[in-house]
Amino acid sequence: MRGQDRSGIRARPVRYNNRMPHPKHALIVFLLSLLPSAALAQNATTPGTVTTPYPTLINLSVEWAISGDDNNNGAVGVRFRQTGAAGWRDALPLRRVPAGSTEGFSWDNKHSGSILDLEPDTEYEIELALSDPDGGSDTRTVTARTRPVPQAAANATVKPATPATFSSVASGAQPGDIILLADGDYSGFTFQHDGTAAQPIVIRAENPKGAVFNGEVRLDSRSYVYLEDLTVNEMIKFNNSVGIVVRGCTVNTPDSGIVSMSNGVENGYFCDNTVLGPTGWSDASVGASGDNLGEGIQVTGPGNVICYNYVKGYRDCISTMEDGNTGLQVCIDIYNNDVYVGADDGIELAGGRSSIGFGGDLEKRLSVEPTGHGCCRVAGGDKEHQIGLFGLGAGAADGFGLDAVGVVGELEQAGGINQPDRSAFQEGLLANPVSRRAGRVVDDADRSTDQGVGQRALADVGRAD
């Protein structure tokens, strides 16, 4: 019978109170005690692989993949030195980047950052010290090498060309060739041959600006093709390419200037160009909805360097791609450019993901709108110019989705910060004494006549004739 034992005596039901745990509760507690603590919260760090993706000429990106550290209190200190040197130098610590996603991009759990202002074509030892009070501390040492300044092959074959012979000379181009162009007017062209990293194909004017191309120059899907000292009266475009160099060129356009779309360009170098566009400075032209046109230098893809250029008269003078048009926008350096009349933005880094930096660029408005986990380091500026950060947001929640934001100089005094969460931005500021390298000298006379070529810094040119 229910409620009775075999002796026929009714059993009294057991009543549980606060002092007596219910057996079901006790069982749950017992089972949970058998689980490892990591199953509840993985606060300890499990170190993964260290990588140094897409070195540029003067900066190295460092990423240390991890698992765990759910409470985000791990830290990585960084020291570096040239390989074989005696003393170490401190770098900025890596930024803790939890796994996440925004604007259609996602990234893994990691520490990430950059080592700045290095020497080209130099190997460095990098010591990384991971510390986590919950466990998992480790020290790793890796080596990485900065890229050399692009130059023609030491044993290059020089092939002279004129407007009449250029098409036939170009059709027979081989890795290691220099196509040396006589003065004259040339038609736009689509180039169909590839060089290699050690044996690029160089298309160079014998006299700077003397070879004038009237039409688009297309290097789509090309590898290691260099354009040097040309005048191009239209767009230079190189979608889905590797190792493209545009150096010392003058580009006059009715729309955009130097452009790479789709998957973009990997490890490109765009230096000492004068890029002049159609947009003037007026009340009607200013802003995202203004009557403005064109992108001066716009590239997407990893490992690109944009430096020592004079860019005037565009919607955005220098920019990366945004929204669904982006390639892998990581490890991009933009420095020591003169940008003038950027009616929407002087420099716009929308869609940046990781290890993107600019510094020493002169303009009235610099816009940074990262939409991913971008390590965006802003260096310097000139107190006499308005340098500011505009539009920080666009899916950049949780510390703006940045690995870090480093600002050198008098940013707030010079131009201010325009974004919704000032405290979160200030929390990310990191002082970093990045030196401004000697570069082009462009005076007021140069600007007024649009002749802003100036003197190239020999250390950053390295061109073999």
Protein backbone atom coordinates (compact mmCIF):
# COMPACT_ATOMS: atom_id res chain seq x y z
CA MET A 1 0.00 0.00 0.00
CA ARG A 2 1.13 3.51 -0.77
CA GLY A 3 2.44 5.37 2.31
CA GLN A 4 2.90 2.16 4.37
CA ASP A 5 5.83 -0.12 5.00
CA ARG A 6 5.56 -3.92 5.00
CA SER A 7 4.64 -3.99 8.68
CA GLY A 8 1.47 -2.06 7.81
CA ILE A 9 2.58 1.00 9.71
CA ARG A 10 2.09 4.26 7.77
CA ALA A 11 5.44 6.00 7.10
CA ARG A 12 5.68 9.66 8.02
CA PRO A 13 6.77 11.78 5.04
CA VAL A 14 10.11 13.49 5.40
CA ARG A 15 9.89 17.31 5.36
CA TYR A 16 12.92 19.28 4.28
CA ASN A 17 13.83 22.63 5.74
CA ASN A 18 16.60 25.18 5.18
CA ARG A 19 18.97 23.18 7.34
CA MET A 20 18.47 19.96 5.45
CA PRO A 21 19.37 19.99 1.72
CA HIS A 22 17.09 18.16 -0.63
CA PRO A 23 18.76 15.03 -2.02
CA LYS A 24 18.31 16.30 -5.59
CA HIS A 25 20.17 19.49 -4.73
CA ALA A 26 22.91 17.56 -3.03
CA LEU A 27 23.26 15.35 -6.11
CA ILE A 28 23.62 18.40 -8.39
CA VAL A 29 26.28 19.89 -6.13
CA PHE A 30 28.12 16.55 -6.10
CA LEU A 31 28.05 16.24 -9.90
CA LEU A 32 29.22 19.81 -10.40
CA SER A 33 32.12 19.17 -8.07
CA LEU A 34 33.31 16.47 -10.44
CA LEU A 35 33.54 18.91 -13.35
CA PRO A 36 36.83 20.80 -13.94
CA SER A 37 36.62 24.43 -12.97
CA ALA A 38 37.43 25.41 -16.57
CA ALA A 39 34.03 24.07 -17.62
CA LEU A 40 32.43 26.75 -15.46
CA ALA A 41 34.67 29.68 -16.39
CA GLN A 42 37.95 29.48 -18.29
CA ASN A 43 39.69 32.34 -16.54
CA ALA A 44 43.14 30.83 -16.94
CA THR A 45 44.88 31.46 -20.27
CA THR A 46 45.95 28.66 -22.59
CA PRO A 47 48.60 30.19 -24.88
CA GLY A 48 48.39 29.38 -28.58
CA THR A 49 50.47 30.33 -31.61
CA VAL A 50 52.34 33.63 -32.04
CA THR A 51 52.29 35.12 -35.55
CA THR A 52 53.73 38.27 -37.13
CA PRO A 53 51.47 38.78 -40.18
CA TYR A 54 52.22 41.08 -43.11
CA PRO A 55 55.35 43.01 -42.04
CA THR A 56 55.63 46.50 -43.49
CA LEU A 57 58.76 48.60 -44.00
CA ILE A 58 58.90 50.15 -40.53
CA ASN A 59 56.29 48.31 -38.42
CA LEU A 60 55.69 44.74 -37.29
CA SER A 61 52.32 43.34 -36.28
CA VAL A 62 52.21 40.72 -33.51
CA GLU A 63 49.30 38.42 -32.65
CA TRP A 64 49.21 35.79 -29.91
CA ALA A 65 46.24 33.43 -30.17
CA ILE A 66 44.86 32.14 -26.87
CA SER A 67 41.93 30.28 -25.38
CA GLY A 68 40.43 30.96 -21.98
CA ASP A 69 40.94 34.22 -20.08
CA ASP A 70 37.19 34.73 -19.94
CA ASN A 71 37.65 37.55 -17.45
CA ASN A 72 40.05 39.36 -19.85
CA ASN A 73 42.72 40.12 -17.25
CA GLY A 74 45.65 38.61 -19.12
CA ALA A 75 48.38 40.93 -20.37
CA VAL A 76 51.37 40.66 -22.72
CA GLY A 77 54.46 42.82 -22.32
CA VAL A 78 56.68 43.30 -25.37
CA ARG A 79 60.42 43.84 -25.78
CA PHE A 80 62.38 43.81 -29.03
CA ARG A 81 65.86 44.26 -30.45
CA GLN A 82 67.64 43.85 -33.73
CA THR A 83 68.80 40.26 -34.00
CA GLY A 84 72.20 39.97 -32.35
CA ALA A 85 72.02 43.31 -30.50
CA ALA A 86 72.82 43.36 -26.79
CA GLY A 87 70.08 45.52 -25.32
CA TRP A 88 66.29 45.17 -25.42
CA ARG A 89 63.81 48.00 -26.01
CA ASP A 90 60.30 48.15 -24.64
CA ALA A 91 57.35 48.35 -27.03
CA LEU A 92 53.68 48.98 -26.39
CA PRO A 93 51.98 46.01 -24.71
CA LEU A 94 49.67 43.92 -26.84
CA ARG A 95 45.99 44.71 -26.63
CA ARG A 96 43.64 42.07 -25.22
CA VAL A 97 41.09 41.25 -27.95
CA PRO A 98 38.28 38.86 -26.96
CA ALA A 99 36.74 36.83 -29.75
CA GLY A 100 33.86 38.63 -31.40
CA SER A 101 32.25 39.89 -34.56
CA THR A 102 30.85 43.08 -36.04
CA GLU A 103 29.72 44.38 -39.43
CA GLY A 104 30.02 40.89 -40.95
CA PHE A 105 33.60 40.29 -39.72
CA SER A 106 34.70 37.96 -36.94
CA TRP A 107 37.96 37.33 -35.11
CA ASP A 108 39.41 34.85 -32.63
CA ASN A 109 40.49 35.24 -29.00
CA LYS A 110 43.93 36.85 -28.91
CA HIS A 111 46.39 39.52 -27.83
CA SER A 112 47.34 41.84 -30.69
CA GLY A 113 49.45 44.91 -31.38
CA SER A 114 52.34 46.45 -33.27
CA ILE A 115 56.00 47.34 -32.85
CA LEU A 116 56.53 50.73 -34.46
CA ASP A 117 59.18 52.85 -36.12
CA LEU A 118 61.67 50.15 -37.07
CA GLU A 119 64.26 49.95 -39.84
CA PRO A 120 63.42 48.50 -43.27
CA ASP A 121 64.76 45.07 -44.24
CA THR A 122 65.92 44.28 -40.70
CA GLU A 123 65.39 41.17 -38.58
CA TYR A 124 64.16 41.64 -35.02
CA GLU A 125 63.86 39.40 -32.00
CA ILE A 126 60.57 39.91 -30.16
CA GLU A 127 60.11 38.77 -26.56
CA LEU A 128 56.52 38.40 -25.40
CA ALA A 129 55.74 37.94 -21.69
CA LEU A 130 52.20 36.71 -21.05
CA SER A 131 50.90 37.09 -17.51
CA ASP A 132 47.53 36.02 -16.14
CA PRO A 133 46.78 36.00 -12.39
CA ASP A 134 44.43 33.06 -12.99
CA GLY A 135 47.19 30.93 -14.55
CA GLY A 136 48.70 30.22 -17.93
CA SER A 137 51.60 32.68 -17.94
CA ASP A 138 54.26 32.10 -20.57
CA THR A 139 57.21 33.77 -22.34
CA ARG A 140 57.87 33.38 -26.05
CA THR A 141 60.60 34.76 -28.31
CA VAL A 142 60.01 35.01 -32.05
CA THR A 143 61.84 36.64 -34.93
CA ALA A 144 60.38 38.76 -37.73
CA ARG A 145 61.81 40.84 -40.52
CA THR A 146 60.57 44.15 -41.90
CA ARG A 147 60.16 44.44 -45.65
CA PRO A 148 62.81 46.16 -47.78
CA VAL A 149 62.04 49.32 -49.70
CA PRO A 150 60.98 48.07 -53.16
CA GLN A 151 63.61 48.41 -55.83
CA ALA A 152 64.42 47.09 -59.27
CA ALA A 153 66.54 43.96 -59.56
CA ALA A 154 70.27 44.57 -59.28
CA ASN A 155 70.80 42.78 -62.61
CA ALA A 156 67.79 44.37 -64.33
CA THR A 157 67.60 44.44 -68.10
CA VAL A 158 66.78 47.93 -69.39
CA LYS A 159 64.49 48.01 -72.43
CA PRO A 160 63.98 51.47 -73.98
CA ALA A 161 60.53 52.33 -75.33
CA THR A 162 58.82 55.22 -77.10
CA PRO A 163 55.12 55.93 -77.68
CA ALA A 164 55.42 54.04 -80.98
CA THR A 165 57.16 50.95 -79.52
CA PHE A 166 55.74 50.74 -75.98
CA SER A 167 53.00 48.24 -76.81
CA SER A 168 55.40 45.73 -78.39
CA VAL A 169 58.04 46.17 -75.67
CA ALA A 170 55.43 45.71 -72.94
CA SER A 171 54.04 42.57 -74.59
CA GLY A 172 57.47 40.94 -74.31
CA ALA A 173 58.22 42.00 -70.73
CA GLN A 174 59.97 39.48 -68.50
CA PRO A 175 60.66 39.42 -64.73
CA GLY A 176 63.63 41.69 -64.00
CA ASP A 177 62.98 44.10 -66.89
CA ILE A 178 63.01 47.90 -66.65
CA ILE A 179 60.92 49.42 -69.46
CA LEU A 180 62.44 52.88 -69.77
CA LEU A 181 60.06 55.34 -71.42
CA ALA A 182 61.13 58.26 -73.56
CA ASP A 183 59.27 61.55 -73.26
CA GLY A 184 56.00 61.71 -75.14
CA ASP A 185 52.26 61.03 -75.07
CA TYR A 186 51.18 57.44 -74.55
CA SER A 187 47.77 55.78 -74.55
CA GLY A 188 46.35 54.12 -71.46
CA PHE A 189 47.11 50.41 -71.23
CA THR A 190 46.31 47.13 -69.48
CA PHE A 191 49.47 45.27 -68.51
CA GLN A 192 49.49 41.47 -68.87
CA HIS A 193 52.76 40.26 -67.33
CA ASP A 194 54.05 39.52 -63.81
CA GLY A 195 57.35 40.05 -62.09
CA THR A 196 58.52 38.35 -58.93
CA ALA A 197 59.52 39.68 -55.52
CA ALA A 198 63.20 39.46 -56.46
CA GLN A 199 62.71 40.32 -60.17
CA PRO A 200 59.94 42.92 -60.51
CA ILE A 201 58.95 44.48 -63.81
CA VAL A 202 59.51 48.26 -63.65
CA ILE A 203 57.82 50.72 -66.03
CA ARG A 204 59.73 53.98 -65.55
CA ALA A 205 59.93 57.37 -67.23
CA GLU A 206 63.44 58.28 -68.35
CA ASN A 207 62.69 61.87 -67.29
CA PRO A 208 60.24 62.26 -64.38
CA LYS A 209 56.81 63.36 -65.67
CA GLY A 210 58.05 63.23 -69.27
CA ALA A 211 56.14 60.05 -70.21
CA VAL A 212 52.45 61.06 -70.19
CA PHE A 213 49.68 58.43 -70.32
CA ASN A 214 46.28 59.73 -71.43
CA GLY A 215 43.94 56.99 -70.26
CA GLU A 216 43.55 54.41 -67.52
CA VAL A 217 46.50 52.27 -66.47
CA ARG A 218 45.30 48.82 -65.36
CA LEU A 219 47.38 46.27 -63.46
CA ASP A 220 44.53 43.97 -62.39
CA SER A 221 45.64 40.54 -61.10
CA ARG A 222 49.28 41.45 -61.61
CA SER A 223 52.21 40.67 -59.32
CA TYR A 224 55.30 42.81 -58.67
CA VAL A 225 54.84 45.48 -61.33
CA TYR A 226 56.23 48.94 -60.51
CA LEU A 227 55.17 52.29 -62.02
CA GLU A 228 57.74 55.04 -61.49
CA ASP A 229 57.90 58.74 -62.42
CA LEU A 230 54.99 58.61 -64.89
CA THR A 231 52.31 61.21 -65.53
CA VAL A 232 48.88 59.55 -65.79
CA ASN A 233 45.85 61.59 -66.80
CA GLU A 234 43.32 59.06 -65.53
CA MET A 235 43.00 56.35 -62.89
CA ILE A 236 45.66 53.78 -61.96
CA LYS A 237 43.86 50.61 -60.89
CA PHE A 238 45.11 47.21 -59.72
CA ASN A 239 42.40 44.90 -58.34
CA ASN A 240 43.39 41.48 -56.96
CA SER A 241 47.11 42.15 -57.12
CA VAL A 242 50.33 41.57 -55.15
CA GLY A 243 53.42 43.71 -54.65
CA ILE A 244 52.33 46.67 -56.79
CA VAL A 245 54.42 49.86 -56.50
CA VAL A 246 53.34 53.33 -57.63
CA ARG A 247 56.15 55.77 -56.88
CA GLY A 248 56.99 59.30 -57.99
CA CYS A 249 54.00 59.52 -60.32
CA THR A 250 51.72 62.48 -61.04
CA VAL A 251 48.10 61.43 -61.37
CA ASN A 252 45.43 63.86 -62.65
CA THR A 253 41.92 62.46 -62.59
CA PRO A 254 38.30 63.44 -63.18
CA ASP A 255 37.29 60.88 -60.53
CA SER A 256 39.46 58.59 -58.36
CA GLY A 257 43.25 58.36 -58.55
CA ILE A 258 45.20 55.30 -57.33
CA VAL A 259 42.70 52.54 -56.55
CA SER A 260 42.50 48.84 -55.72
CA MET A 261 39.15 47.11 -55.11
CA SER A 262 37.68 43.60 -54.78
CA ASN A 263 40.31 41.60 -52.85
CA GLY A 264 42.57 44.62 -53.27
CA VAL A 265 46.34 44.52 -53.22
CA GLU A 266 48.71 42.71 -50.88
CA ASN A 267 52.01 44.31 -49.80
CA GLY A 268 51.66 47.35 -52.05
CA TYR A 269 53.83 50.48 -51.80
CA PHE A 270 52.54 53.92 -52.83
CA CYS A 271 55.10 56.62 -52.21
CA ASP A 272 55.97 60.18 -53.26
CA ASN A 273 53.11 60.60 -55.71
CA THR A 274 51.21 63.79 -56.53
CA VAL A 275 47.52 62.91 -56.93
CA LEU A 276 45.15 65.70 -58.03
CA GLY A 277 41.39 65.36 -58.20
CA PRO A 278 38.25 67.24 -59.27
CA THR A 279 36.80 68.39 -55.94
CA GLY A 280 37.14 71.98 -54.80
CA TRP A 281 36.67 73.46 -51.35
CA SER A 282 33.29 75.13 -50.83
CA ASP A 283 30.33 74.97 -48.49
CA ALA A 284 28.50 72.82 -51.03
CA SER A 285 31.31 70.27 -51.34
CA VAL A 286 31.95 69.58 -47.67
CA GLY A 287 30.73 66.46 -45.87
CA ALA A 288 29.47 62.98 -46.64
CA SER A 289 26.46 64.39 -48.52
CA GLY A 290 28.40 67.18 -50.20
CA ASP A 291 28.97 67.80 -53.87
CA ASN A 292 32.30 65.98 -53.96
CA LEU A 293 33.83 63.22 -56.00
CA GLY A 294 36.56 60.63 -56.04
CA GLU A 295 39.04 58.89 -53.77
CA GLY A 296 42.64 60.03 -54.08
CA ILE A 297 44.44 56.88 -52.95
CA GLN A 298 42.06 54.09 -51.98
CA VAL A 299 43.27 50.56 -51.35
CA THR A 300 42.02 47.47 -49.60
CA GLY A 301 44.05 44.43 -48.67
CA PRO A 302 46.86 43.64 -46.20
CA GLY A 303 50.41 44.92 -45.79
CA ASN A 304 50.06 48.16 -47.75
CA VAL A 305 52.21 51.27 -47.24
CA ILE A 306 51.04 54.77 -48.27
CA CYS A 307 53.65 57.45 -47.55
CA TYR A 308 55.09 60.81 -48.67
CA ASN A 309 52.24 61.56 -51.10
CA TYR A 310 50.64 64.93 -51.89
CA VAL A 311 46.91 64.38 -52.47
CA LYS A 312 44.45 67.19 -53.22
CA GLY A 313 40.84 67.60 -54.31
CA TYR A 314 38.86 64.47 -53.49
CA ARG A 315 35.92 63.35 -51.42
CA ASP A 316 38.46 61.38 -49.32
CA CYS A 317 42.12 62.00 -50.05
CA ILE A 318 43.37 58.66 -48.65
CA SER A 319 41.07 55.84 -47.63
CA THR A 320 40.55 52.15 -47.15
CA MET A 321 37.39 50.40 -48.37
CA GLU A 322 34.24 50.10 -46.27
CA ASP A 323 31.09 48.02 -45.86
CA GLY A 324 30.91 44.93 -48.09
CA ASN A 325 33.71 46.08 -50.40
CA THR A 326 36.59 45.37 -48.03
CA GLY A 327 39.37 42.89 -48.51
CA LEU A 328 41.56 41.80 -45.60
CA GLN A 329 42.36 45.27 -44.24
CA VAL A 330 45.14 44.58 -41.77
CA CYS A 331 48.72 45.81 -41.30
CA ILE A 332 48.35 49.05 -43.27
CA ASP A 333 50.71 52.01 -42.75
CA ILE A 334 49.79 55.57 -43.76
CA TYR A 335 52.36 58.18 -42.80
CA ASN A 336 53.95 61.51 -43.75
CA ASN A 337 51.42 62.39 -46.43
CA ASP A 338 50.22 65.91 -47.29
CA VAL A 339 46.47 65.78 -47.87
CA TYR A 340 44.66 68.92 -48.91
CA VAL A 341 40.97 69.52 -49.73
CA GLY A 342 39.47 66.24 -48.61
CA ALA A 343 35.89 67.46 -48.70
CA ASP A 344 34.53 64.55 -46.66
CA ASP A 345 37.67 63.15 -44.99
CA GLY A 346 41.37 63.75 -45.35
CA ILE A 347 42.12 60.17 -44.32
CA GLU A 348 39.32 57.68 -43.77
CA LEU A 349 40.07 54.24 -42.36
CA ALA A 350 36.55 52.82 -42.36
CA GLY A 351 36.45 49.04 -42.41
CA GLY A 352 39.88 48.63 -40.86
CA ARG A 353 40.42 45.44 -38.91
CA SER A 354 43.83 45.10 -37.31
CA SER A 355 47.19 46.90 -37.11
CA ILE A 356 46.33 50.02 -39.08
CA GLY A 357 48.19 53.22 -38.30
CA PHE A 358 48.82 56.68 -39.61
CA GLY A 359 51.11 59.44 -38.46
CA GLY A 360 52.74 62.69 -39.50
CA ASP A 361 49.99 63.34 -42.04
CA LEU A 362 49.04 67.00 -42.55
CA GLU A 363 45.39 67.88 -43.10
CA LYS A 364 42.44 69.61 -41.56
CA ARG A 365 40.42 66.49 -40.92
CA LEU A 366 41.51 62.92 -40.29
CA SER A 367 38.73 60.38 -39.92
CA VAL A 368 39.07 57.00 -38.25
CA GLU A 369 36.04 54.75 -38.45
CA PRO A 370 37.15 51.19 -37.66
CA THR A 371 34.40 48.59 -37.93
CA GLY A 372 36.42 45.58 -36.84
CA HIS A 373 39.07 44.67 -34.31
CA GLY A 374 41.43 47.25 -35.79
CA CYS A 375 44.65 48.10 -34.03
CA CYS A 376 44.53 51.72 -35.11
CA ARG A 377 47.49 53.78 -33.92
CA VAL A 378 47.33 57.50 -34.62
CA ALA A 379 50.70 59.21 -34.44
CA GLY A 380 51.24 62.90 -34.19
CA GLY A 381 49.97 65.63 -36.37
CA ASP A 382 50.82 69.29 -36.42
CA LYS A 383 49.49 71.70 -33.80
CA GLU A 384 48.84 74.23 -36.55
CA HIS A 385 46.45 71.86 -38.28
CA GLN A 386 43.19 70.43 -37.04
CA ILE A 387 43.78 66.78 -36.30
CA GLY A 388 40.80 64.90 -34.96
CA LEU A 389 39.06 61.55 -34.87
CA PHE A 390 35.57 61.58 -36.32
CA GLY A 391 32.80 59.04 -36.50
CA LEU A 392 34.23 56.42 -34.18
CA GLY A 393 31.42 53.92 -33.94
CA ALA A 394 29.82 51.92 -36.74
CA GLY A 395 29.81 48.57 -35.02
CA ALA A 396 32.78 49.46 -32.86
CA ALA A 397 31.25 48.64 -29.51
CA ASP A 398 33.31 47.13 -26.69
CA GLY A 399 36.21 49.58 -26.79
CA PHE A 400 35.35 50.46 -30.40
CA GLY A 401 36.42 46.98 -31.44
CA LEU A 402 40.00 48.22 -31.43
CA ASP A 403 43.14 46.41 -30.49
CA ALA A 404 44.43 49.80 -29.37
CA VAL A 405 44.35 53.45 -30.22
CA GLY A 406 47.63 55.25 -29.73
CA VAL A 407 47.82 59.00 -30.02
CA VAL A 408 50.97 61.08 -30.01
CA GLY A 409 50.93 64.84 -29.72
CA GLU A 410 48.25 67.29 -28.77
CA LEU A 411 45.24 65.62 -30.32
CA GLU A 412 42.52 67.13 -28.17
CA GLN A 413 44.06 70.60 -28.19
CA ALA A 414 44.67 70.46 -31.93
CA GLY A 415 41.36 69.19 -33.16
CA GLY A 416 39.34 67.36 -30.57
CA ILE A 417 37.56 64.04 -30.58
CA ASN A 418 34.08 63.65 -32.02
CA GLN A 419 32.50 60.37 -30.98
CA PRO A 420 29.75 59.26 -28.63
CA ASP A 421 31.59 57.58 -25.78
CA ARG A 422 34.50 59.80 -24.81
CA SER A 423 35.46 57.84 -21.69
CA ALA A 424 35.79 54.58 -23.61
CA PHE A 425 38.00 56.28 -26.18
CA GLN A 426 40.24 57.87 -23.57
CA GLU A 427 40.64 54.50 -21.89
CA GLY A 428 42.25 53.26 -25.09
CA LEU A 429 44.74 56.09 -25.49
CA LEU A 430 48.35 55.01 -25.30
CA ALA A 431 51.24 57.44 -25.28
CA ASN A 432 53.90 56.37 -27.75
CA PRO A 433 56.88 58.48 -28.82
CA VAL A 434 56.85 57.64 -32.50
CA SER A 435 59.45 59.69 -34.31
CA ARG A 436 58.47 61.51 -37.48
CA ARG A 437 60.85 60.44 -40.18
CA ALA A 438 62.44 62.91 -42.54
CA GLY A 439 60.33 63.06 -45.66
CA ARG A 440 59.13 65.36 -48.37
CA VAL A 441 59.26 69.09 -47.86
CA VAL A 442 56.23 70.85 -49.33
CA ASP A 443 55.99 74.58 -48.81
CA ASP A 444 53.13 77.00 -49.45
CA ALA A 445 54.38 77.73 -52.96
CA ASP A 446 54.31 74.04 -53.78
CA ARG A 447 50.73 73.75 -52.56
CA SER A 448 49.53 76.79 -54.48
CA THR A 449 50.92 75.44 -57.75
CA ASP A 450 50.10 71.79 -57.05
CA GLN A 451 53.79 70.94 -57.48
CA GLY A 452 54.26 69.11 -54.21
CA VAL A 453 56.93 66.62 -55.18
CA GLY A 454 59.74 67.92 -52.98
CA GLN A 455 62.74 65.95 -51.79
CA ARG A 456 62.37 62.25 -51.13
CA ALA A 457 64.03 60.78 -48.08
CA LEU A 458 66.81 58.58 -49.40
CA ALA A 459 66.25 55.97 -46.71
CA ASP A 460 62.69 55.46 -47.92
CA VAL A 461 63.37 55.38 -51.66
CA GLY A 462 66.16 52.85 -52.16
CA ARG A 463 65.61 52.66 -55.90
CA ALA A 464 68.24 50.85 -57.96
CA ASP A 465 68.75 52.41 -61.40
